[in-house]
Amino acid sequence: MDLLLKIARCPLVESWYDDHLISNKCYEILTTQQVEFSAHQIPEPWSGDITKAPILFLSSNPSIDNNSKYPVWDWPDDQIEDYFSNRFGGRQQWIEDGIRCLNNDGSRTTVRFWAAVKARARELLEKAPMPGKDYALTEVVHCKSRNEVGVAQVLSECVKRYLRPVLSEASGAKIIVVLGNIAGQTLKQEFKMPANARMAGPVEVGLGNRYLVFLPHPNFRGPRTFRDCLEPSQLETLREALRN
């Protein structure tokens, strides 16, 4: 949980509120919130049991929604830990059925991105997945914004600080599914892979060997499933890795 809180309490957020210097690489993404420090929605380390989930989905950055019940800076650490580690069923059912977020007024909203991720997990497992157990989610940039605002400016800093620790120390995934161009280009540069690679592995990541798979973002208007984007033999290799 040290890494979880290190990301959630990123010192760059606090320093921005202290001095509001535009030299802070995160200023553009942080200023999208326009709130007091205590009400700032904190960076999102990951969602789900990342240490045990055999599949990890990696995307660009989390989208912000002011209506959803989400940790802000003045939440205590234990609640923050529960929210992210047990987001699919902890002290509260933060996310219902893997796709519906809890709002501040008690209502639920279906998140299309989560629905797409759940469908991809089902495709790999060939059965209904258990969200948060069979798969977890994380991002290359952990601060929230809309339409990836500020991601390009902060990407190198966030990757330098947190990407390797999340993948190498926190995640126990056998398969890392990278979604979208930003996350895809970042991982390919980090692990020195060809720009057109769709799949690689097993690749040594930390103490384990993982498969890296690259899919379009769920919002992409075109082929975006494993069956559409991989050779049948590649898909079977991934499924076999999960069976074992």
Protein backbone atom coordinates (compact mmCIF):
# COMPACT_ATOMS: atom_id res chain seq x y z
CA MET A 1 0.00 0.00 0.00
CA ASP A 2 3.01 2.32 0.24
CA LEU A 3 3.08 2.68 -3.54
CA LEU A 4 -0.68 3.19 -3.71
CA LEU A 5 -0.51 6.12 -1.30
CA LYS A 6 2.67 7.45 -2.87
CA ILE A 7 0.76 7.89 -6.14
CA ALA A 8 -2.51 9.03 -4.57
CA ARG A 9 -0.64 11.64 -2.48
CA CYS A 10 1.73 12.65 -5.29
CA PRO A 11 3.85 15.54 -4.00
CA LEU A 12 3.51 17.41 -7.29
CA VAL A 13 -0.19 17.92 -6.56
CA GLU A 14 0.51 19.44 -3.18
CA SER A 15 3.32 21.63 -4.50
CA TRP A 16 1.01 23.02 -7.18
CA TYR A 17 -1.51 24.12 -4.58
CA ASP A 18 1.31 25.59 -2.49
CA ASP A 19 2.83 27.83 -5.15
CA HIS A 20 0.83 27.55 -8.43
CA LEU A 21 4.00 27.70 -10.49
CA ILE A 22 3.60 26.93 -14.18
CA SER A 23 7.04 25.32 -14.00
CA ASN A 24 5.23 22.43 -12.30
CA LYS A 25 4.91 19.92 -15.13
CA CYS A 26 1.47 18.94 -13.91
CA TYR A 27 -0.07 22.40 -13.87
CA GLU A 28 -2.22 21.93 -16.98
CA ILE A 29 -3.80 18.67 -15.88
CA LEU A 30 -4.22 19.87 -12.28
CA THR A 31 -5.93 23.11 -13.22
CA THR A 32 -8.73 21.22 -14.99
CA GLN A 33 -10.38 20.69 -11.59
CA GLN A 34 -10.67 24.30 -10.36
CA VAL A 35 -11.36 23.33 -6.72
CA GLU A 36 -9.90 23.89 -3.27
CA PHE A 37 -7.00 21.60 -2.33
CA SER A 38 -9.09 19.58 0.15
CA ALA A 39 -11.65 18.83 -2.58
CA HIS A 40 -9.14 17.89 -5.28
CA GLN A 41 -9.83 14.46 -6.78
CA ILE A 42 -6.60 12.59 -6.10
CA PRO A 43 -4.46 10.73 -8.64
CA GLU A 44 -5.73 7.22 -9.35
CA PRO A 45 -3.06 4.56 -8.62
CA TRP A 46 -5.05 1.58 -9.89
CA SER A 47 -8.41 -0.13 -9.46
CA GLY A 48 -8.75 -3.71 -8.22
CA ASP A 49 -6.52 -6.32 -6.61
CA ILE A 50 -3.51 -5.47 -8.75
CA THR A 51 -1.17 -7.87 -6.95
CA LYS A 52 -3.27 -10.94 -7.78
CA ALA A 53 -5.27 -10.07 -10.90
CA PRO A 54 -3.89 -12.08 -13.87
CA ILE A 55 -4.91 -9.36 -16.36
CA LEU A 56 -3.95 -5.69 -16.10
CA PHE A 57 -5.48 -3.09 -18.41
CA LEU A 58 -3.30 -0.02 -18.96
CA SER A 59 -4.64 3.16 -20.57
CA SER A 60 -3.70 6.87 -20.80
CA ASN A 61 -5.30 8.58 -17.79
CA PRO A 62 -8.54 8.36 -15.79
CA SER A 63 -11.46 10.52 -16.84
CA ILE A 64 -12.90 12.93 -14.30
CA ASP A 65 -16.55 13.03 -13.31
CA ASN A 66 -17.63 15.50 -10.66
CA ASN A 67 -20.81 13.52 -9.96
CA SER A 68 -19.12 10.25 -9.03
CA LYS A 69 -18.15 9.35 -5.46
CA TYR A 70 -14.39 9.48 -5.64
CA PRO A 71 -11.61 10.15 -3.11
CA VAL A 72 -10.53 13.75 -2.60
CA TRP A 73 -7.43 14.97 -0.81
CA ASP A 74 -8.99 15.16 2.65
CA TRP A 75 -10.06 11.48 2.70
CA PRO A 76 -8.13 9.43 5.29
CA ASP A 77 -5.52 7.00 4.00
CA ASP A 78 -7.38 3.83 5.01
CA GLN A 79 -10.45 4.84 2.99
CA ILE A 80 -8.27 5.68 0.01
CA GLU A 81 -6.62 2.27 0.22
CA ASP A 82 -9.97 0.51 0.39
CA TYR A 83 -11.41 2.51 -2.49
CA PHE A 84 -8.70 1.59 -4.97
CA SER A 85 -7.78 -1.92 -3.80
CA ASN A 86 -11.40 -3.00 -3.31
CA ARG A 87 -13.07 -0.66 -5.77
CA PHE A 88 -15.29 -3.41 -7.14
CA GLY A 89 -16.57 -4.34 -3.69
CA GLY A 90 -15.03 -3.00 -0.47
CA ARG A 91 -16.53 -0.95 2.34
CA GLN A 92 -18.99 0.17 -0.27
CA GLN A 93 -19.85 -1.15 -3.71
CA TRP A 94 -17.91 1.64 -5.38
CA ILE A 95 -18.35 0.00 -8.78
CA GLU A 96 -21.33 -2.30 -9.35
CA ASP A 97 -20.98 -5.27 -11.72
CA GLY A 98 -17.69 -3.81 -12.92
CA ILE A 99 -19.40 -1.12 -14.99
CA ARG A 100 -21.59 1.20 -12.86
CA CYS A 101 -19.98 3.85 -10.67
CA LEU A 102 -21.50 5.12 -7.44
CA ASN A 103 -22.52 8.79 -7.61
CA ASN A 104 -22.59 11.30 -4.77
CA ASP A 105 -26.40 11.18 -4.69
CA GLY A 106 -26.46 7.38 -4.45
CA SER A 107 -27.43 6.79 -8.07
CA ARG A 108 -25.38 4.74 -10.56
CA THR A 109 -23.94 5.60 -13.96
CA THR A 110 -22.72 3.05 -16.50
CA VAL A 111 -19.17 3.78 -17.68
CA ARG A 112 -18.68 2.62 -21.25
CA PHE A 113 -14.92 2.28 -20.88
CA TRP A 114 -15.36 -0.17 -18.00
CA ALA A 115 -17.96 -2.12 -19.95
CA ALA A 116 -15.52 -2.47 -22.85
CA VAL A 117 -12.70 -3.60 -20.54
CA LYS A 118 -14.96 -6.19 -18.95
CA ALA A 119 -15.86 -7.51 -22.40
CA ARG A 120 -12.19 -7.85 -23.34
CA ALA A 121 -11.48 -9.73 -20.09
CA ARG A 122 -14.34 -12.08 -20.89
CA GLU A 123 -12.87 -12.64 -24.36
CA LEU A 124 -9.53 -13.68 -22.86
CA LEU A 125 -10.93 -15.81 -20.04
CA GLU A 126 -13.74 -17.35 -22.12
CA LYS A 127 -16.05 -16.90 -19.14
CA ALA A 128 -17.65 -14.10 -17.17
CA PRO A 129 -14.83 -12.31 -15.31
CA MET A 130 -14.82 -11.15 -11.72
CA PRO A 131 -14.01 -7.42 -11.92
CA GLY A 132 -11.16 -6.47 -9.63
CA LYS A 133 -10.16 -10.10 -9.17
CA ASP A 134 -9.66 -11.40 -12.70
CA TYR A 135 -8.49 -8.03 -13.91
CA ALA A 136 -7.32 -4.67 -12.59
CA LEU A 137 -6.89 -1.28 -14.25
CA THR A 138 -4.22 1.40 -14.19
CA GLU A 139 -2.86 4.23 -16.34
CA VAL A 140 0.41 5.75 -17.54
CA VAL A 141 -0.75 9.14 -16.18
CA HIS A 142 -2.58 8.98 -12.87
CA CYS A 143 -4.19 12.41 -12.58
CA LYS A 144 -7.73 12.79 -13.83
CA SER A 145 -8.87 15.05 -16.66
CA ARG A 146 -11.34 15.16 -19.54
CA ASN A 147 -10.38 14.16 -23.08
CA GLU A 148 -6.76 13.53 -22.03
CA VAL A 149 -6.16 17.25 -21.36
CA GLY A 150 -2.68 17.76 -19.90
CA VAL A 151 -1.55 14.18 -20.50
CA ALA A 152 1.12 15.04 -23.08
CA GLN A 153 2.71 17.62 -20.78
CA VAL A 154 2.94 15.37 -17.72
CA LEU A 155 3.50 12.00 -19.39
CA SER A 156 7.28 11.79 -19.06
CA GLU A 157 7.22 12.85 -15.39
CA CYS A 158 4.49 10.42 -14.40
CA VAL A 159 6.12 7.56 -16.30
CA LYS A 160 9.49 8.29 -14.70
CA ARG A 161 8.02 8.27 -11.21
CA TYR A 162 5.46 5.51 -11.29
CA LEU A 163 5.20 3.27 -14.39
CA ARG A 164 7.96 0.78 -13.61
CA PRO A 165 7.02 0.44 -9.91
CA VAL A 166 3.37 -0.20 -10.76
CA LEU A 167 4.19 -2.84 -13.39
CA SER A 168 7.19 -4.38 -11.65
CA GLU A 169 6.40 -4.15 -7.93
CA ALA A 170 2.62 -3.94 -7.64
CA SER A 171 1.19 -5.94 -10.54
CA GLY A 172 1.21 -9.71 -10.64
CA ALA A 173 -0.49 -9.84 -14.04
CA LYS A 174 0.43 -12.46 -16.60
CA ILE A 175 -1.00 -10.29 -19.36
CA ILE A 176 -0.79 -6.50 -19.64
CA VAL A 177 -3.34 -5.16 -22.12
CA VAL A 178 -2.34 -1.70 -23.33
CA LEU A 179 -5.24 0.40 -24.63
CA GLY A 180 -4.93 3.34 -27.02
CA ASN A 181 -2.14 5.23 -28.75
CA ILE A 182 -0.74 7.18 -25.79
CA ALA A 183 -0.32 4.16 -23.52
CA GLY A 184 0.76 2.01 -26.47
CA GLN A 185 3.51 4.35 -27.63
CA THR A 186 4.69 4.82 -24.05
CA LEU A 187 5.05 1.10 -23.37
CA LYS A 188 6.75 0.42 -26.71
CA GLN A 189 9.31 3.13 -26.01
CA GLU A 190 9.83 1.97 -22.44
CA PHE A 191 10.43 -1.64 -23.44
CA LYS A 192 12.08 -0.85 -26.81
CA MET A 193 9.49 -2.57 -28.97
CA PRO A 194 8.63 -1.98 -32.65
CA ALA A 195 6.04 0.74 -33.22
CA ASN A 196 3.75 -1.65 -35.10
CA ALA A 197 3.86 -4.47 -32.52
CA ARG A 198 0.50 -5.96 -31.57
CA MET A 199 1.83 -8.46 -29.02
CA ALA A 200 5.11 -9.36 -27.34
CA GLY A 201 6.23 -11.82 -24.77
CA PRO A 202 6.96 -13.25 -22.51
CA VAL A 203 8.74 -9.97 -21.65
CA GLU A 204 10.67 -9.59 -18.41
CA VAL A 205 8.89 -6.95 -16.35
CA GLY A 206 10.20 -6.76 -12.81
CA LEU A 207 10.43 -10.23 -11.27
CA GLY A 208 8.04 -11.84 -13.74
CA ASN A 209 7.61 -12.51 -17.42
CA ARG A 210 4.46 -10.99 -18.92
CA TYR A 211 2.74 -10.80 -22.25
CA LEU A 212 2.16 -7.29 -23.57
CA VAL A 213 -0.79 -6.82 -25.90
CA PHE A 214 -1.72 -3.62 -27.71
CA LEU A 215 -5.33 -2.83 -28.59
CA PRO A 216 -7.04 0.34 -29.78
CA HIS A 217 -8.80 2.47 -27.21
CA PRO A 218 -12.37 1.27 -26.56
CA ASN A 219 -13.62 4.51 -28.15
CA PHE A 220 -11.89 3.66 -31.43
CA ARG A 221 -14.35 3.33 -34.29
CA GLY A 222 -12.96 0.20 -35.84
CA PRO A 223 -11.68 -3.28 -34.92
CA ARG A 224 -10.76 -3.33 -31.24
CA THR A 225 -11.26 -6.87 -29.92
CA PHE A 226 -8.55 -9.49 -29.42
CA ARG A 227 -10.13 -11.61 -32.14
CA ASP A 228 -10.04 -8.68 -34.56
CA CYS A 229 -6.54 -7.46 -33.74
CA LEU A 230 -4.52 -10.63 -33.12
CA GLU A 231 -3.76 -13.79 -35.02
CA PRO A 232 -5.73 -16.82 -33.75
CA SER A 233 -2.50 -18.39 -32.52
CA GLN A 234 -1.64 -15.27 -30.52
CA LEU A 235 -5.04 -15.21 -28.86
CA GLU A 236 -4.72 -18.87 -27.98
CA THR A 237 -1.28 -18.21 -26.46
CA LEU A 238 -2.79 -15.61 -24.15
CA ARG A 239 -5.67 -17.85 -23.17
CA GLU A 240 -3.30 -20.70 -22.45
CA ALA A 241 -1.18 -18.45 -20.23
CA LEU A 242 -4.27 -17.66 -18.17
CA ARG A 243 -5.31 -21.32 -17.95
CA ASN A 244 -1.90 -22.13 -16.48
